All heavy atoms as atom14 arrays in JSON, in Angstrom:
{
  "sequence": "QVQLVESGGGLVQAGGSLRLSCAVSGRSIRFGAMGWHRQAPGKQRELV",
  "atom14_mask": [
    [1, 1, 1, 1, 1, 1, 1, 1, 1, 0, 0, 0, 0, 0],
    [1, 1, 1, 1, 1, 1, 1, 0, 0, 0, 0, 0, 0, 0],
    [1, 1, 1, 1, 1, 1, 1, 1, 1, 0, 0, 0, 0, 0],
    [1, 1, 1, 1, 1, 1, 1, 1, 0, 0, 0, 0, 0, 0],
    [1, 1, 1, 1, 1, 1, 1, 0, 0, 0, 0, 0, 0, 0],
    [1, 1, 1, 1, 1, 1, 1, 1, 1, 0, 0, 0, 0, 0],
    [1, 1, 1, 1, 1, 1, 0, 0, 0, 0, 0, 0, 0, 0],
    [1, 1, 1, 1, 0, 0, 0, 0, 0, 0, 0, 0, 0, 0],
    [1, 1, 1, 1, 0, 0, 0, 0, 0, 0, 0, 0, 0, 0],
    [1, 1, 1, 1, 0, 0, 0, 0, 0, 0, 0, 0, 0, 0],
    [1, 1, 1, 1, 1, 1, 1, 1, 0, 0, 0, 0, 0, 0],
    [1, 1, 1, 1, 1, 1, 1, 0, 0, 0, 0, 0, 0, 0],
    [1, 1, 1, 1, 1, 1, 1, 1, 1, 0, 0, 0, 0, 0],
    [1, 1, 1, 1, 1, 0, 0, 0, 0, 0, 0, 0, 0, 0],
    [1, 1, 1, 1, 0, 0, 0, 0, 0, 0, 0, 0, 0, 0],
    [1, 1, 1, 1, 0, 0, 0, 0, 0, 0, 0, 0, 0, 0],
    [1, 1, 1, 1, 1, 1, 0, 0, 0, 0, 0, 0, 0, 0],
    [1, 1, 1, 1, 1, 1, 1, 1, 0, 0, 0, 0, 0, 0],
    [1, 1, 1, 1, 1, 1, 1, 1, 1, 1, 1, 0, 0, 0],
    [1, 1, 1, 1, 1, 1, 1, 1, 0, 0, 0, 0, 0, 0],
    [1, 1, 1, 1, 1, 1, 0, 0, 0, 0, 0, 0, 0, 0],
    [1, 1, 1, 1, 1, 1, 0, 0, 0, 0, 0, 0, 0, 0],
    [1, 1, 1, 1, 1, 0, 0, 0, 0, 0, 0, 0, 0, 0],
    [1, 1, 1, 1, 1, 1, 1, 0, 0, 0, 0, 0, 0, 0],
    [1, 1, 1, 1, 1, 1, 0, 0, 0, 0, 0, 0, 0, 0],
    [1, 1, 1, 1, 0, 0, 0, 0, 0, 0, 0, 0, 0, 0],
    [1, 1, 1, 1, 1, 1, 1, 1, 1, 1, 1, 0, 0, 0],
    [1, 1, 1, 1, 1, 1, 0, 0, 0, 0, 0, 0, 0, 0],
    [1, 1, 1, 1, 1, 1, 1, 1, 0, 0, 0, 0, 0, 0],
    [1, 1, 1, 1, 1, 1, 1, 1, 1, 1, 1, 0, 0, 0],
    [1, 1, 1, 1, 1, 1, 1, 1, 1, 1, 1, 0, 0, 0],
    [1, 1, 1, 1, 0, 0, 0, 0, 0, 0, 0, 0, 0, 0],
    [1, 1, 1, 1, 1, 0, 0, 0, 0, 0, 0, 0, 0, 0],
    [1, 1, 1, 1, 1, 1, 1, 1, 0, 0, 0, 0, 0, 0],
    [1, 1, 1, 1, 0, 0, 0, 0, 0, 0, 0, 0, 0, 0],
    [1, 1, 1, 1, 1, 1, 1, 1, 1, 1, 1, 1, 1, 1],
    [1, 1, 1, 1, 1, 1, 1, 1, 1, 1, 0, 0, 0, 0],
    [1, 1, 1, 1, 1, 1, 1, 1, 1, 1, 1, 0, 0, 0],
    [1, 1, 1, 1, 1, 1, 1, 1, 1, 0, 0, 0, 0, 0],
    [1, 1, 1, 1, 1, 0, 0, 0, 0, 0, 0, 0, 0, 0],
    [1, 1, 1, 1, 1, 1, 1, 0, 0, 0, 0, 0, 0, 0],
    [1, 1, 1, 1, 0, 0, 0, 0, 0, 0, 0, 0, 0, 0],
    [1, 1, 1, 1, 1, 1, 1, 1, 1, 0, 0, 0, 0, 0],
    [1, 1, 1, 1, 1, 1, 1, 1, 1, 0, 0, 0, 0, 0],
    [1, 1, 1, 1, 1, 1, 1, 1, 1, 1, 1, 0, 0, 0],
    [1, 1, 1, 1, 1, 1, 1, 1, 1, 0, 0, 0, 0, 0],
    [1, 1, 1, 1, 1, 1, 1, 1, 0, 0, 0, 0, 0, 0],
    [1, 1, 1, 1, 1, 1, 1, 0, 0, 0, 0, 0, 0, 0]
  ],
  "atom14_positions": [
    [[0.85, -1.18, 0.01], [0.0, 0.0, 0.0], [0.89, 1.25, 0.0], [1.83, 1.35, 0.78], [-0.89, 0.01, 1.24], [-1.86, 1.17, 1.28], [-2.77, 1.11, 2.5], [-2.7, 0.16, 3.3], [-3.62, 2.08, 2.66], [0.0, 0.0, 0.0], [0.0, 0.0, 0.0], [0.0, 0.0, 0.0], [0.0, 0.0, 0.0], [0.0, 0.0, 0.0]],
    [[0.58, 2.17, -0.89], [1.37, 3.38, -0.99], [0.81, 4.44, -0.04], [-0.39, 4.67, 0.0], [1.35, 3.93, -2.43], [2.11, 5.23, -2.52], [1.93, 2.91, -3.4], [0.0, 0.0, 0.0], [0.0, 0.0, 0.0], [0.0, 0.0, 0.0], [0.0, 0.0, 0.0], [0.0, 0.0, 0.0], [0.0, 0.0, 0.0], [0.0, 0.0, 0.0]],
    [[1.7, 5.04, 0.73], [1.28, 6.11, 1.64], [2.2, 7.32, 1.48], [3.41, 7.15, 1.26], [1.33, 5.63, 3.1], [0.25, 4.59, 3.41], [0.2, 4.24, 4.89], [1.23, 4.16, 5.55], [-1.0, 4.07, 5.41], [0.0, 0.0, 0.0], [0.0, 0.0, 0.0], [0.0, 0.0, 0.0], [0.0, 0.0, 0.0], [0.0, 0.0, 0.0]],
    [[1.61, 8.49, 1.6], [2.36, 9.73, 1.5], [2.1, 10.52, 2.79], [0.94, 10.67, 3.21], [1.9, 10.58, 0.32], [2.34, 10.17, -1.09], [1.67, 8.86, -1.52], [2.05, 11.27, -2.08], [0.0, 0.0, 0.0], [0.0, 0.0, 0.0], [0.0, 0.0, 0.0], [0.0, 0.0, 0.0], [0.0, 0.0, 0.0], [0.0, 0.0, 0.0]],
    [[3.17, 11.02, 3.38], [3.04, 11.8, 4.6], [3.79, 13.13, 4.42], [5.0, 13.14, 4.26], [3.6, 11.04, 5.82], [3.49, 11.91, 7.07], [2.86, 9.72, 6.01], [0.0, 0.0, 0.0], [0.0, 0.0, 0.0], [0.0, 0.0, 0.0], [0.0, 0.0, 0.0], [0.0, 0.0, 0.0], [0.0, 0.0, 0.0], [0.0, 0.0, 0.0]],
    [[3.03, 14.22, 4.47], [3.63, 15.55, 4.35], [4.01, 16.07, 5.73], [3.37, 15.75, 6.74], [2.66, 16.55, 3.71], [2.2, 16.21, 2.32], [0.83, 15.61, 2.29], [0.43, 14.98, 3.32], [0.12, 15.72, 1.27], [0.0, 0.0, 0.0], [0.0, 0.0, 0.0], [0.0, 0.0, 0.0], [0.0, 0.0, 0.0], [0.0, 0.0, 0.0]],
    [[5.02, 16.91, 5.76], [5.43, 17.58, 6.98], [6.15, 18.87, 6.62], [6.48, 19.1, 5.45], [6.33, 16.68, 7.83], [7.51, 16.36, 7.12], [0.0, 0.0, 0.0], [0.0, 0.0, 0.0], [0.0, 0.0, 0.0], [0.0, 0.0, 0.0], [0.0, 0.0, 0.0], [0.0, 0.0, 0.0], [0.0, 0.0, 0.0], [0.0, 0.0, 0.0]],
    [[6.36, 19.71, 7.63], [7.12, 20.92, 7.42], [6.32, 22.19, 7.36], [6.88, 23.29, 7.26], [0.0, 0.0, 0.0], [0.0, 0.0, 0.0], [0.0, 0.0, 0.0], [0.0, 0.0, 0.0], [0.0, 0.0, 0.0], [0.0, 0.0, 0.0], [0.0, 0.0, 0.0], [0.0, 0.0, 0.0], [0.0, 0.0, 0.0], [0.0, 0.0, 0.0]],
    [[5.0, 22.06, 7.38], [4.18, 23.27, 7.37], [4.27, 24.01, 8.68], [4.87, 23.56, 9.66], [0.0, 0.0, 0.0], [0.0, 0.0, 0.0], [0.0, 0.0, 0.0], [0.0, 0.0, 0.0], [0.0, 0.0, 0.0], [0.0, 0.0, 0.0], [0.0, 0.0, 0.0], [0.0, 0.0, 0.0], [0.0, 0.0, 0.0], [0.0, 0.0, 0.0]],
    [[3.69, 25.21, 8.7], [3.71, 26.0, 9.91], [3.33, 27.44, 9.63], [2.82, 27.77, 8.56], [0.0, 0.0, 0.0], [0.0, 0.0, 0.0], [0.0, 0.0, 0.0], [0.0, 0.0, 0.0], [0.0, 0.0, 0.0], [0.0, 0.0, 0.0], [0.0, 0.0, 0.0], [0.0, 0.0, 0.0], [0.0, 0.0, 0.0], [0.0, 0.0, 0.0]],
    [[3.6, 28.27, 10.63], [3.33, 29.71, 10.53], [4.64, 30.43, 10.28], [5.62, 30.21, 10.99], [2.7, 30.19, 11.83], [2.47, 31.69, 11.99], [1.47, 32.19, 10.94], [1.96, 32.02, 13.39], [0.0, 0.0, 0.0], [0.0, 0.0, 0.0], [0.0, 0.0, 0.0], [0.0, 0.0, 0.0], [0.0, 0.0, 0.0], [0.0, 0.0, 0.0]],
    [[4.65, 31.32, 9.27], [5.86, 32.05, 8.94], [5.45, 33.46, 8.53], [4.35, 33.67, 8.01], [6.63, 31.33, 7.81], [5.82, 31.28, 6.53], [7.98, 31.96, 7.58], [0.0, 0.0, 0.0], [0.0, 0.0, 0.0], [0.0, 0.0, 0.0], [0.0, 0.0, 0.0], [0.0, 0.0, 0.0], [0.0, 0.0, 0.0], [0.0, 0.0, 0.0]],
    [[6.33, 34.4, 8.74], [6.07, 35.77, 8.32], [6.32, 35.92, 6.82], [7.11, 35.18, 6.23], [6.97, 36.74, 9.09], [6.57, 36.91, 10.55], [7.33, 38.03, 11.22], [8.47, 38.34, 10.84], [6.73, 38.65, 12.21], [0.0, 0.0, 0.0], [0.0, 0.0, 0.0], [0.0, 0.0, 0.0], [0.0, 0.0, 0.0], [0.0, 0.0, 0.0]],
    [[5.65, 36.88, 6.23], [5.87, 37.19, 4.82], [7.35, 37.44, 4.57], [8.03, 38.11, 5.37], [5.05, 38.39, 4.41], [0.0, 0.0, 0.0], [0.0, 0.0, 0.0], [0.0, 0.0, 0.0], [0.0, 0.0, 0.0], [0.0, 0.0, 0.0], [0.0, 0.0, 0.0], [0.0, 0.0, 0.0], [0.0, 0.0, 0.0], [0.0, 0.0, 0.0]],
    [[7.85, 36.89, 3.47], [9.27, 37.0, 3.15], [10.09, 35.84, 3.66], [11.26, 35.7, 3.28], [0.0, 0.0, 0.0], [0.0, 0.0, 0.0], [0.0, 0.0, 0.0], [0.0, 0.0, 0.0], [0.0, 0.0, 0.0], [0.0, 0.0, 0.0], [0.0, 0.0, 0.0], [0.0, 0.0, 0.0], [0.0, 0.0, 0.0], [0.0, 0.0, 0.0]],
    [[9.51, 35.03, 4.52], [10.22, 33.9, 5.09], [10.22, 32.67, 4.19], [9.73, 32.72, 3.06], [0.0, 0.0, 0.0], [0.0, 0.0, 0.0], [0.0, 0.0, 0.0], [0.0, 0.0, 0.0], [0.0, 0.0, 0.0], [0.0, 0.0, 0.0], [0.0, 0.0, 0.0], [0.0, 0.0, 0.0], [0.0, 0.0, 0.0], [0.0, 0.0, 0.0]],
    [[10.76, 31.58, 4.72], [10.91, 30.36, 3.96], [10.43, 29.16, 4.78], [10.46, 29.18, 6.01], [12.39, 30.12, 3.59], [12.89, 31.15, 2.77], [0.0, 0.0, 0.0], [0.0, 0.0, 0.0], [0.0, 0.0, 0.0], [0.0, 0.0, 0.0], [0.0, 0.0, 0.0], [0.0, 0.0, 0.0], [0.0, 0.0, 0.0], [0.0, 0.0, 0.0]],
    [[9.99, 28.15, 4.07], [9.66, 26.86, 4.65], [10.06, 25.78, 3.66], [10.09, 26.01, 2.43], [8.15, 26.74, 4.91], [7.55, 27.44, 6.12], [6.02, 27.3, 6.09], [8.1, 26.89, 7.42], [0.0, 0.0, 0.0], [0.0, 0.0, 0.0], [0.0, 0.0, 0.0], [0.0, 0.0, 0.0], [0.0, 0.0, 0.0], [0.0, 0.0, 0.0]],
    [[10.38, 24.6, 4.18], [10.6, 23.46, 3.31], [9.63, 22.35, 3.7], [9.66, 21.87, 4.84], [12.03, 22.93, 3.41], [12.33, 21.89, 2.35], [13.74, 21.39, 2.37], [14.0, 20.43, 3.42], [14.96, 19.51, 3.39], [15.77, 19.46, 2.34], [15.14, 18.69, 4.41], [0.0, 0.0, 0.0], [0.0, 0.0, 0.0], [0.0, 0.0, 0.0]],
    [[8.8, 21.98, 2.76], [7.86, 20.88, 2.97], [8.5, 19.57, 2.51], [9.25, 19.55, 1.54], [6.57, 21.12, 2.2], [5.85, 22.44, 2.45], [4.55, 22.47, 1.65], [5.59, 22.66, 3.91], [0.0, 0.0, 0.0], [0.0, 0.0, 0.0], [0.0, 0.0, 0.0], [0.0, 0.0, 0.0], [0.0, 0.0, 0.0], [0.0, 0.0, 0.0]],
    [[8.17, 18.51, 3.22], [8.63, 17.17, 2.86], [7.43, 16.27, 2.62], [6.39, 16.42, 3.28], [9.48, 16.58, 3.98], [10.61, 17.38, 4.25], [0.0, 0.0, 0.0], [0.0, 0.0, 0.0], [0.0, 0.0, 0.0], [0.0, 0.0, 0.0], [0.0, 0.0, 0.0], [0.0, 0.0, 0.0], [0.0, 0.0, 0.0], [0.0, 0.0, 0.0]],
    [[7.6, 15.35, 1.7], [6.58, 14.33, 1.42], [7.29, 12.99, 1.38], [7.98, 12.69, 0.4], [5.88, 14.62, 0.12], [4.69, 13.36, -0.39], [0.0, 0.0, 0.0], [0.0, 0.0, 0.0], [0.0, 0.0, 0.0], [0.0, 0.0, 0.0], [0.0, 0.0, 0.0], [0.0, 0.0, 0.0], [0.0, 0.0, 0.0], [0.0, 0.0, 0.0]],
    [[7.13, 12.22, 2.44], [7.75, 10.89, 2.53], [6.79, 9.86, 1.96], [5.63, 9.78, 2.38], [8.1, 10.58, 3.97], [0.0, 0.0, 0.0], [0.0, 0.0, 0.0], [0.0, 0.0, 0.0], [0.0, 0.0, 0.0], [0.0, 0.0, 0.0], [0.0, 0.0, 0.0], [0.0, 0.0, 0.0], [0.0, 0.0, 0.0], [0.0, 0.0, 0.0]],
    [[7.3, 9.08, 1.02], [6.49, 8.06, 0.34], [6.92, 6.68, 0.8], [8.12, 6.39, 0.88], [6.63, 8.17, -1.18], [5.77, 7.12, -1.88], [6.23, 9.57, -1.65], [0.0, 0.0, 0.0], [0.0, 0.0, 0.0], [0.0, 0.0, 0.0], [0.0, 0.0, 0.0], [0.0, 0.0, 0.0], [0.0, 0.0, 0.0], [0.0, 0.0, 0.0]],
    [[5.97, 5.83, 1.11], [6.26, 4.43, 1.44], [5.42, 3.53, 0.58], [4.34, 3.91, 0.13], [5.98, 4.17, 2.92], [4.63, 4.41, 3.22], [0.0, 0.0, 0.0], [0.0, 0.0, 0.0], [0.0, 0.0, 0.0], [0.0, 0.0, 0.0], [0.0, 0.0, 0.0], [0.0, 0.0, 0.0], [0.0, 0.0, 0.0], [0.0, 0.0, 0.0]],
    [[5.92, 2.34, 0.33], [5.17, 1.35, -0.43], [5.57, 1.26, -1.89], [5.18, 0.28, -2.55], [0.0, 0.0, 0.0], [0.0, 0.0, 0.0], [0.0, 0.0, 0.0], [0.0, 0.0, 0.0], [0.0, 0.0, 0.0], [0.0, 0.0, 0.0], [0.0, 0.0, 0.0], [0.0, 0.0, 0.0], [0.0, 0.0, 0.0], [0.0, 0.0, 0.0]],
    [[6.27, 2.24, -2.41], [6.71, 2.23, -3.8], [7.77, 3.29, -3.97], [7.69, 4.36, -3.4], [5.54, 2.48, -4.74], [5.84, 2.25, -6.22], [4.6, 2.17, -7.05], [4.86, 2.08, -8.48], [5.12, 0.97, -9.13], [5.16, -0.16, -8.48], [5.34, 0.97, -10.41], [0.0, 0.0, 0.0], [0.0, 0.0, 0.0], [0.0, 0.0, 0.0]],
    [[8.74, 2.99, -4.84], [9.81, 3.94, -5.07], [9.31, 5.13, -5.88], [8.61, 4.97, -6.88], [10.97, 3.28, -5.8], [11.92, 4.25, -6.21], [0.0, 0.0, 0.0], [0.0, 0.0, 0.0], [0.0, 0.0, 0.0], [0.0, 0.0, 0.0], [0.0, 0.0, 0.0], [0.0, 0.0, 0.0], [0.0, 0.0, 0.0], [0.0, 0.0, 0.0]],
    [[9.73, 6.31, -5.49], [9.33, 7.51, -6.25], [9.99, 7.57, -7.61], [9.62, 8.36, -8.47], [9.62, 8.8, -5.45], [11.11, 9.0, -5.2], [8.81, 8.83, -4.15], [11.44, 10.34, -4.58], [0.0, 0.0, 0.0], [0.0, 0.0, 0.0], [0.0, 0.0, 0.0], [0.0, 0.0, 0.0], [0.0, 0.0, 0.0], [0.0, 0.0, 0.0]],
    [[10.99, 6.71, -7.82], [11.64, 6.65, -9.14], [10.62, 6.27, -10.23], [10.82, 6.59, -11.39], [12.75, 5.62, -9.14], [13.97, 5.97, -8.33], [15.03, 4.89, -8.51], [16.26, 5.2, -7.8], [16.5, 4.83, -6.55], [15.6, 4.14, -5.89], [17.64, 5.14, -5.97], [0.0, 0.0, 0.0], [0.0, 0.0, 0.0], [0.0, 0.0, 0.0]],
    [[9.57, 5.6, -9.83], [8.62, 5.06, -10.8], [7.42, 5.96, -11.03], [6.47, 5.53, -11.69], [8.14, 3.69, -10.34], [9.25, 2.7, -10.12], [9.33, 1.96, -8.95], [10.23, 2.5, -11.08], [10.35, 1.05, -8.73], [11.24, 1.59, -10.89], [11.31, 0.87, -9.71], [0.0, 0.0, 0.0], [0.0, 0.0, 0.0], [0.0, 0.0, 0.0]],
    [[7.43, 7.16, -10.51], [6.25, 7.98, -10.67], [6.54, 9.48, -10.71], [7.62, 9.94, -10.3], [0.0, 0.0, 0.0], [0.0, 0.0, 0.0], [0.0, 0.0, 0.0], [0.0, 0.0, 0.0], [0.0, 0.0, 0.0], [0.0, 0.0, 0.0], [0.0, 0.0, 0.0], [0.0, 0.0, 0.0], [0.0, 0.0, 0.0], [0.0, 0.0, 0.0]],
    [[5.57, 10.21, -11.2], [5.63, 11.66, -11.15], [5.17, 12.12, -9.78], [4.33, 11.48, -9.14], [4.73, 12.25, -12.23], [0.0, 0.0, 0.0], [0.0, 0.0, 0.0], [0.0, 0.0, 0.0], [0.0, 0.0, 0.0], [0.0, 0.0, 0.0], [0.0, 0.0, 0.0], [0.0, 0.0, 0.0], [0.0, 0.0, 0.0], [0.0, 0.0, 0.0]],
    [[5.72, 13.23, -9.33], [5.38, 13.78, -8.02], [4.9, 15.2, -8.2], [5.41, 15.95, -9.02], [6.58, 13.77, -7.09], [7.16, 12.41, -6.8], [6.06, 11.34, -5.84], [5.73, 12.32, -4.39], [0.0, 0.0, 0.0], [0.0, 0.0, 0.0], [0.0, 0.0, 0.0], [0.0, 0.0, 0.0], [0.0, 0.0, 0.0], [0.0, 0.0, 0.0]],
    [[3.93, 15.58, -7.38], [3.42, 16.93, -7.46], [3.11, 17.5, -6.09], [2.89, 16.74, -5.12], [0.0, 0.0, 0.0], [0.0, 0.0, 0.0], [0.0, 0.0, 0.0], [0.0, 0.0, 0.0], [0.0, 0.0, 0.0], [0.0, 0.0, 0.0], [0.0, 0.0, 0.0], [0.0, 0.0, 0.0], [0.0, 0.0, 0.0], [0.0, 0.0, 0.0]],
    [[3.16, 18.82, -6.01], [2.69, 19.54, -4.84], [1.5, 20.4, -5.29], [1.56, 21.08, -6.33], [3.78, 20.45, -4.26], [4.8, 19.72, -3.47], [6.03, 19.3, -3.88], [4.69, 19.32, -2.1], [6.69, 18.67, -2.85], [5.9, 18.67, -1.74], [3.69, 19.45, -1.12], [6.11, 18.15, -0.47], [3.93, 18.94, 0.14], [5.12, 18.3, 0.45]],
    [[0.47, 20.37, -4.49], [-0.75, 21.14, -4.77], [-1.11, 21.91, -3.5], [-0.61, 21.59, -2.42], [-1.9, 20.2, -5.12], [-1.6, 19.25, -6.24], [-2.14, 19.37, -7.5], [-0.76, 18.18, -6.3], [-1.68, 18.4, -8.27], [-0.83, 17.67, -7.57], [0.0, 0.0, 0.0], [0.0, 0.0, 0.0], [0.0, 0.0, 0.0], [0.0, 0.0, 0.0]],
    [[-1.99, 22.88, -3.66], [-2.45, 23.59, -2.48], [-3.91, 23.98, -2.64], [-4.4, 24.11, -3.75], [-1.59, 24.83, -2.22], [-1.73, 25.93, -3.27], [-0.72, 27.05, -2.98], [-0.82, 28.13, -3.96], [0.05, 29.13, -4.03], [1.07, 29.2, -3.18], [-0.12, 30.07, -4.93], [0.0, 0.0, 0.0], [0.0, 0.0, 0.0], [0.0, 0.0, 0.0]],
    [[-4.55, 24.14, -1.49], [-5.94, 24.55, -1.48], [-6.15, 25.56, -0.37], [-5.96, 25.24, 0.81], [-6.88, 23.36, -1.29], [-8.34, 23.72, -1.43], [-9.23, 22.5, -1.59], [-8.86, 21.38, -1.24], [-10.42, 22.71, -2.13], [0.0, 0.0, 0.0], [0.0, 0.0, 0.0], [0.0, 0.0, 0.0], [0.0, 0.0, 0.0], [0.0, 0.0, 0.0]],
    [[-6.51, 26.76, -0.78], [-6.82, 27.82, 0.19], [-8.32, 27.77, 0.51], [-9.1, 27.27, -0.3], [-6.43, 29.17, -0.4], [0.0, 0.0, 0.0], [0.0, 0.0, 0.0], [0.0, 0.0, 0.0], [0.0, 0.0, 0.0], [0.0, 0.0, 0.0], [0.0, 0.0, 0.0], [0.0, 0.0, 0.0], [0.0, 0.0, 0.0], [0.0, 0.0, 0.0]],
    [[-8.72, 28.31, 1.64], [-10.14, 28.31, 2.01], [-11.0, 28.95, 0.92], [-10.69, 30.04, 0.43], [-10.17, 29.13, 3.29], [-8.81, 28.97, 3.88], [-7.89, 28.89, 2.7], [0.0, 0.0, 0.0], [0.0, 0.0, 0.0], [0.0, 0.0, 0.0], [0.0, 0.0, 0.0], [0.0, 0.0, 0.0], [0.0, 0.0, 0.0], [0.0, 0.0, 0.0]],
    [[-12.05, 28.24, 0.52], [-12.97, 28.76, -0.47], [-12.47, 28.71, -1.9], [-13.14, 29.21, -2.8], [0.0, 0.0, 0.0], [0.0, 0.0, 0.0], [0.0, 0.0, 0.0], [0.0, 0.0, 0.0], [0.0, 0.0, 0.0], [0.0, 0.0, 0.0], [0.0, 0.0, 0.0], [0.0, 0.0, 0.0], [0.0, 0.0, 0.0], [0.0, 0.0, 0.0]],
    [[-11.31, 28.11, -2.1], [-10.76, 28.04, -3.45], [-10.55, 26.6, -3.87], [-10.49, 25.7, -3.02], [-9.43, 28.8, -3.52], [-9.56, 30.29, -3.3], [-8.25, 31.0, -3.57], [-8.4, 32.51, -3.43], [-7.11, 33.2, -3.72], [0.0, 0.0, 0.0], [0.0, 0.0, 0.0], [0.0, 0.0, 0.0], [0.0, 0.0, 0.0], [0.0, 0.0, 0.0]],
    [[-10.4, 26.4, -5.16], [-10.14, 25.06, -5.68], [-8.67, 24.69, -5.45], [-7.8, 25.56, -5.38], [-10.48, 25.0, -7.17], [-11.95, 25.07, -7.48], [-12.25, 24.77, -8.94], [-11.43, 25.04, -9.81], [-13.42, 24.22, -9.2], [0.0, 0.0, 0.0], [0.0, 0.0, 0.0], [0.0, 0.0, 0.0], [0.0, 0.0, 0.0], [0.0, 0.0, 0.0]],
    [[-8.45, 23.4, -5.38], [-7.08, 22.92, -5.27], [-6.35, 23.23, -6.56], [-6.89, 23.05, -7.65], [-7.07, 21.42, -4.99], [-5.72, 20.85, -4.65], [-5.81, 19.4, -4.25], [-6.61, 19.21, -3.03], [-6.7, 18.05, -2.38], [-6.04, 16.98, -2.83], [-7.45, 17.95, -1.31], [0.0, 0.0, 0.0], [0.0, 0.0, 0.0], [0.0, 0.0, 0.0]],
    [[-5.1, 23.68, -6.45], [-4.31, 24.03, -7.63], [-2.95, 23.37, -7.59], [-2.38, 23.16, -6.51], [-4.14, 25.54, -7.74], [-3.39, 26.19, -6.59], [-3.09, 27.67, -6.82], [-3.26, 28.15, -7.97], [-2.66, 28.33, -5.86], [0.0, 0.0, 0.0], [0.0, 0.0, 0.0], [0.0, 0.0, 0.0], [0.0, 0.0, 0.0], [0.0, 0.0, 0.0]],
    [[-2.44, 23.08, -8.77], [-1.09, 22.51, -8.87], [-0.06, 23.61, -8.63], [-0.14, 24.67, -9.23], [-0.88, 21.89, -10.26], [0.51, 21.35, -10.54], [0.82, 20.15, -9.66], [0.64, 20.99, -12.01], [0.0, 0.0, 0.0], [0.0, 0.0, 0.0], [0.0, 0.0, 0.0], [0.0, 0.0, 0.0], [0.0, 0.0, 0.0], [0.0, 0.0, 0.0]],
    [[0.88, 23.34, -7.77], [1.95, 24.29, -7.46], [3.23, 23.92, -8.19], [3.88, 24.78, -8.8], [2.2, 24.34, -5.93], [3.4, 25.2, -5.61], [0.96, 24.83, -5.21], [0.0, 0.0, 0.0], [0.0, 0.0, 0.0], [0.0, 0.0, 0.0], [0.0, 0.0, 0.0], [0.0, 0.0, 0.0], [0.0, 0.0, 0.0], [0.0, 0.0, 0.0]]
  ]
}
């Protein structure tokens, strides 16, 4: 079974930086495309 676990989010001031991680288990990421998406309140999910 493939599982993805994101981490690294948080609260930051404008101008700052964050690094998000997505750990995948169950299959090597070599065999697939990877994407990051986001969804703000009241908006559709978008590809980042």
